[in-house]
Amino acid sequence: MFEHRGNQVVCPICGASFAHFGKYGTKNRTNARCYKCESLERHRLLWLYFNNQTDFFERKNLKLLHVAPELCLYAKFSKMPSVNYYPCDLFPELYPYKEVFKMDLTNIHFEENFFDVIICNHVLEHIPDDAKAMAQLYRVMKKGGWGIFQVPIDYKREKTYEDFSITTPQERFKAFGQKDHVRWYGQDYKDRLSEANFIVKEDDWVKHFSDEEIQRYRLSPKELIYYCQKENGY
C-alpha cells in the first residue's frame, strides 16, 4: 500500500487514505476499490447512509441479516456488541470469514418477523425467482423493520430485462453485463419491491454530497438507495 500513499481519497469505512483507489470490475473502472478494506463505491455510500440517515448505530440488540456479506462491512458488523449479526450466503464455504451461515434467499430458514435490519447488496440480479426472494425478505423482516436492497440498474430501461433462455456465461455477460447475472433491472425496480409489500423509498441521498466529497470518498454520483420498510400493521 505504500506505493499508493496520499490523501486524495479516503475510505469512510476503514479510514484509510490514498492517492487513489484501485481498479475493479469487468471493465476495470479506475479509482474504485479501497486497498485496505476492499470497499467499493456502493459500500462506502451505504456506510455513510447508515451513519447519517438511520438509527442503526444507536440501537441495542439489533438483529441484522447480511446477505452475501462483503469483507469491508463484515469486518465492522461482526465486531459490534450491539448487533446480533447473521451473515448468510448460499455458498458459505467460499468465504474466508470466520462464520457465514448457509441460506437460500428463496427459502430463508429464519422465522417470520425476525430481523430488525436486512442488507441485500447486489444479490437479487443473480436469482431467477427474485419475486420469491423479495417475499422471503419481507417475511423475515420485523414489523417496523427496514432494509437496503441494492442492485445494478440500467435507468435507460423502463422495464427490467430478463430472458431465461439465456443460460451460458458468455450469453449472460453479453445480455446482462456479467456472466452470473440473470437480468438487467430497469426503472421498475421500485415497483417490483413494492409488489412484495415493502414501502420503498428511492433515495437520491448521494446528491447531498458536494462534488469534492464525491471525489474524496469516490462515490457513484447517480446511485439511488432503495430503502425498504415493513409497516407495523402487517
Protein backbone atom coordinates (compact mmCIF):
# COMPACT_ATOMS: atom_id res chain seq x y z
CA MET A 1 0.00 0.00 0.00
CA PHE A 2 2.97 2.32 0.34
CA GLU A 3 3.11 2.96 -3.40
CA HIS A 4 -0.44 4.40 -3.19
CA ARG A 5 0.35 6.69 -0.27
CA GLY A 6 -1.53 10.00 -0.29
CA ASN A 7 -4.69 11.69 0.94
CA GLN A 8 -6.61 12.49 -2.23
CA VAL A 9 -9.18 9.78 -1.44
CA VAL A 10 -10.35 8.40 1.90
CA CYS A 11 -12.44 5.35 2.74
CA PRO A 12 -15.14 6.22 5.31
CA ILE A 13 -15.40 2.57 6.33
CA CYS A 14 -11.82 1.78 7.34
CA GLY A 15 -10.49 5.35 7.49
CA ALA A 16 -7.53 4.69 5.19
CA SER A 17 -6.44 7.37 2.73
CA PHE A 18 -4.57 7.02 -0.55
CA ALA A 19 -3.53 8.90 -3.64
CA HIS A 20 -6.25 6.90 -5.41
CA PHE A 21 -8.19 3.65 -5.05
CA GLY A 22 -7.55 0.55 -7.15
CA LYS A 23 -9.20 -0.74 -10.30
CA TYR A 24 -12.21 -3.05 -10.13
CA GLY A 25 -14.92 -4.64 -12.24
CA THR A 26 -15.33 -6.32 -15.60
CA LYS A 27 -14.49 -3.01 -17.28
CA ASN A 28 -11.60 -2.30 -14.87
CA ARG A 29 -13.01 1.01 -13.69
CA THR A 30 -10.36 3.17 -12.06
CA ASN A 31 -10.29 4.63 -8.55
CA ALA A 32 -12.91 2.19 -7.25
CA ARG A 33 -11.60 -0.30 -4.68
CA CYS A 34 -10.08 0.58 -1.30
CA TYR A 35 -6.65 -1.01 -0.95
CA LYS A 36 -7.15 -1.69 2.76
CA CYS A 37 -10.72 -2.95 3.29
CA GLU A 38 -11.68 -3.63 -0.35
CA SER A 39 -14.75 -1.39 -0.22
CA LEU A 40 -16.31 -0.21 -3.49
CA GLU A 41 -18.36 2.88 -4.27
CA ARG A 42 -21.64 1.28 -3.25
CA HIS A 43 -20.26 0.05 0.08
CA ARG A 44 -18.92 3.47 1.01
CA LEU A 45 -22.24 5.13 0.17
CA LEU A 46 -24.11 2.52 2.21
CA TRP A 47 -21.84 3.03 5.22
CA LEU A 48 -22.29 6.81 5.09
CA TYR A 49 -26.04 6.35 4.74
CA PHE A 50 -26.20 4.05 7.77
CA ASN A 51 -24.26 6.62 9.80
CA ASN A 52 -26.15 9.70 8.73
CA GLN A 53 -29.66 8.65 7.75
CA THR A 54 -30.57 5.79 10.09
CA ASP A 55 -30.53 4.96 13.80
CA PHE A 56 -28.54 1.77 13.14
CA PHE A 57 -25.59 2.69 15.37
CA GLU A 58 -27.84 3.86 18.21
CA ARG A 59 -29.81 0.62 18.51
CA LYS A 60 -29.21 -2.17 21.02
CA ASN A 61 -29.64 -5.91 20.46
CA LEU A 62 -30.34 -5.30 16.81
CA LYS A 63 -30.76 -8.39 14.63
CA LEU A 64 -29.03 -7.87 11.30
CA LEU A 65 -29.32 -10.16 8.28
CA HIS A 66 -26.47 -9.52 5.84
CA VAL A 67 -26.86 -11.41 2.57
CA ALA A 68 -23.61 -12.15 0.71
CA PRO A 69 -21.55 -10.23 3.29
CA GLU A 70 -18.83 -8.02 1.86
CA LEU A 71 -15.50 -8.11 3.68
CA CYS A 72 -15.41 -4.38 4.43
CA LEU A 73 -18.84 -4.46 6.12
CA TYR A 74 -18.43 -7.88 7.73
CA ALA A 75 -15.29 -6.60 9.46
CA LYS A 76 -17.33 -3.85 11.08
CA PHE A 77 -20.65 -5.53 11.87
CA SER A 78 -19.14 -8.73 13.26
CA LYS A 79 -17.34 -6.74 15.97
CA MET A 80 -20.29 -4.61 17.10
CA PRO A 81 -21.59 -5.73 20.54
CA SER A 82 -24.93 -4.04 19.87
CA VAL A 83 -25.58 -6.21 16.79
CA ASN A 84 -26.73 -9.81 16.63
CA TYR A 85 -25.14 -10.48 13.28
CA TYR A 86 -26.30 -13.08 10.76
CA PRO A 87 -24.05 -13.09 7.66
CA CYS A 88 -25.52 -15.56 5.16
CA ASP A 89 -24.91 -16.94 1.69
CA LEU A 90 -25.90 -19.89 -0.46
CA PHE A 91 -22.22 -20.85 -0.65
CA PRO A 92 -20.67 -20.03 2.75
CA GLU A 93 -17.67 -22.26 2.03
CA LEU A 94 -16.42 -19.67 -0.46
CA TYR A 95 -15.86 -17.09 2.27
CA PRO A 96 -12.61 -16.77 4.21
CA TYR A 97 -14.50 -15.24 7.16
CA LYS A 98 -14.86 -16.97 10.50
CA GLU A 99 -18.59 -17.61 10.26
CA VAL A 100 -21.10 -17.32 7.42
CA PHE A 101 -24.39 -19.21 7.62
CA LYS A 102 -25.76 -21.22 4.69
CA MET A 103 -29.02 -19.74 3.42
CA ASP A 104 -31.11 -19.89 0.25
CA LEU A 105 -32.67 -16.47 -0.29
CA THR A 106 -35.76 -18.04 -1.85
CA ASN A 107 -36.26 -20.29 1.18
CA ILE A 108 -34.99 -18.43 4.25
CA HIS A 109 -34.97 -20.70 7.30
CA PHE A 110 -35.45 -17.96 9.88
CA GLU A 111 -38.87 -17.37 11.41
CA GLU A 112 -41.29 -14.63 10.44
CA ASN A 113 -40.68 -11.10 11.79
CA PHE A 114 -37.17 -11.93 12.97
CA PHE A 115 -34.76 -9.24 11.69
CA ASP A 116 -34.66 -5.55 12.52
CA VAL A 117 -32.44 -4.68 9.55
CA ILE A 118 -31.56 -6.50 6.33
CA ILE A 119 -28.76 -5.74 3.87
CA CYS A 120 -29.01 -7.37 0.46
CA ASN A 121 -26.46 -5.71 -1.78
CA HIS A 122 -26.10 -6.79 -5.44
CA VAL A 123 -27.64 -10.22 -4.94
CA LEU A 124 -31.13 -10.22 -6.48
CA GLU A 125 -29.78 -9.89 -10.02
CA HIS A 126 -28.31 -13.39 -9.58
CA ILE A 127 -31.60 -15.06 -8.58
CA PRO A 128 -34.05 -16.30 -11.25
CA ASP A 129 -37.10 -16.05 -8.96
CA ASP A 130 -36.37 -12.65 -7.46
CA ALA A 131 -40.05 -12.14 -6.53
CA LYS A 132 -39.84 -15.18 -4.24
CA ALA A 133 -36.62 -13.86 -2.70
CA MET A 134 -38.20 -10.45 -2.08
CA ALA A 135 -41.22 -12.13 -0.47
CA GLN A 136 -38.90 -14.10 1.82
CA LEU A 137 -37.01 -10.95 2.81
CA TYR A 138 -40.32 -9.32 3.65
CA ARG A 139 -41.45 -12.32 5.69
CA VAL A 140 -38.39 -12.41 7.96
CA MET A 141 -38.24 -8.63 8.44
CA LYS A 142 -39.78 -7.43 11.70
CA LYS A 143 -42.83 -5.20 11.62
CA GLY A 144 -41.39 -1.70 11.58
CA GLY A 145 -38.06 -3.03 10.35
CA TRP A 146 -36.16 -1.86 7.32
CA GLY A 147 -33.60 -2.94 4.78
CA ILE A 148 -31.48 -1.71 1.91
CA PHE A 149 -31.65 -3.77 -1.28
CA GLN A 150 -29.24 -2.53 -3.94
CA VAL A 151 -28.94 -3.97 -7.44
CA PRO A 152 -27.29 -2.88 -10.70
CA ILE A 153 -29.85 -0.77 -12.58
CA ASP A 154 -29.94 0.49 -16.14
CA TYR A 155 -32.09 3.60 -15.82
CA LYS A 156 -32.36 3.84 -19.61
CA ARG A 157 -34.62 0.79 -19.41
CA GLU A 158 -38.23 1.44 -18.48
CA LYS A 159 -38.76 -2.24 -17.70
CA THR A 160 -36.46 -4.88 -16.25
CA TYR A 161 -34.99 -7.13 -18.93
CA GLU A 162 -34.79 -10.85 -18.33
CA ASP A 163 -34.70 -13.82 -20.66
CA PHE A 164 -34.34 -17.22 -19.02
CA SER A 165 -33.49 -18.90 -22.30
CA ILE A 166 -30.11 -17.17 -21.93
CA THR A 167 -28.10 -19.64 -19.86
CA THR A 168 -24.42 -19.72 -20.79
CA PRO A 169 -21.91 -17.45 -19.06
CA GLN A 170 -20.95 -15.89 -22.40
CA GLU A 171 -24.56 -15.14 -23.34
CA ARG A 172 -25.35 -13.73 -19.90
CA PHE A 173 -22.30 -11.48 -20.00
CA LYS A 174 -23.43 -10.10 -23.35
CA ALA A 175 -27.07 -9.67 -22.29
CA PHE A 176 -26.77 -8.65 -18.63
CA GLY A 177 -23.23 -7.33 -18.23
CA GLN A 178 -21.95 -10.16 -16.04
CA LYS A 179 -21.73 -13.90 -16.59
CA ASP A 180 -23.67 -14.84 -13.43
CA HIS A 181 -26.46 -12.25 -13.75
CA VAL A 182 -29.91 -13.25 -14.96
CA ARG A 183 -31.44 -9.80 -15.60
CA TRP A 184 -30.89 -6.09 -16.04
CA TYR A 185 -33.12 -4.16 -13.66
CA GLY A 186 -34.79 -1.07 -15.04
CA GLN A 187 -36.81 1.87 -13.75
CA ASP A 188 -39.46 -0.56 -12.47
CA TYR A 189 -37.19 -1.99 -9.74
CA LYS A 190 -39.02 0.05 -7.09
CA ASP A 191 -42.33 -1.37 -8.31
CA ARG A 192 -41.01 -4.92 -8.06
CA LEU A 193 -40.07 -4.32 -4.42
CA SER A 194 -43.45 -2.71 -3.75
CA GLU A 195 -45.18 -5.80 -5.12
CA ALA A 196 -43.56 -7.70 -2.24
CA ASN A 197 -45.40 -5.27 0.12
CA PHE A 198 -42.36 -3.17 1.05
CA ILE A 199 -42.77 0.56 1.48
CA VAL A 200 -39.97 1.73 -0.80
CA LYS A 201 -38.08 4.99 -0.68
CA GLU A 202 -35.99 5.57 -3.79
CA ASP A 203 -33.47 7.85 -2.09
CA ASP A 204 -31.14 10.15 -4.05
CA TRP A 205 -29.27 10.98 -0.85
CA VAL A 206 -25.93 10.97 -2.67
CA LYS A 207 -26.90 14.39 -4.04
CA HIS A 208 -26.34 15.81 -0.54
CA PHE A 209 -22.59 15.47 -1.13
CA SER A 210 -20.55 18.14 -2.83
CA ASP A 211 -18.54 17.28 -5.95
CA GLU A 212 -15.41 17.43 -3.79
CA GLU A 213 -16.85 14.94 -1.27
CA ILE A 214 -17.96 12.57 -4.02
CA GLN A 215 -14.43 12.59 -5.40
CA ARG A 216 -12.85 12.27 -1.96
CA TYR A 217 -14.95 9.24 -0.97
CA ARG A 218 -15.22 8.02 -4.58
CA LEU A 219 -18.99 7.55 -4.63
CA SER A 220 -21.23 6.90 -7.62
CA PRO A 221 -22.94 10.29 -8.07
CA LYS A 222 -26.10 8.82 -9.61
CA GLU A 223 -26.66 5.83 -7.34
CA LEU A 224 -30.06 5.70 -5.68
CA ILE A 225 -30.54 3.90 -2.38
CA TYR A 226 -33.52 1.55 -2.09
CA TYR A 227 -34.68 1.84 1.50
CA CYS A 228 -37.43 -0.71 2.18
CA GLN A 229 -39.69 -0.81 5.24
CA LYS A 230 -42.26 -3.21 6.62
CA GLU A 231 -45.26 -1.49 8.15
CA ASN A 232 -46.08 -2.12 11.78
CA GLY A 233 -49.58 -3.20 10.83
CA TYR A 234 -48.51 -6.05 8.56
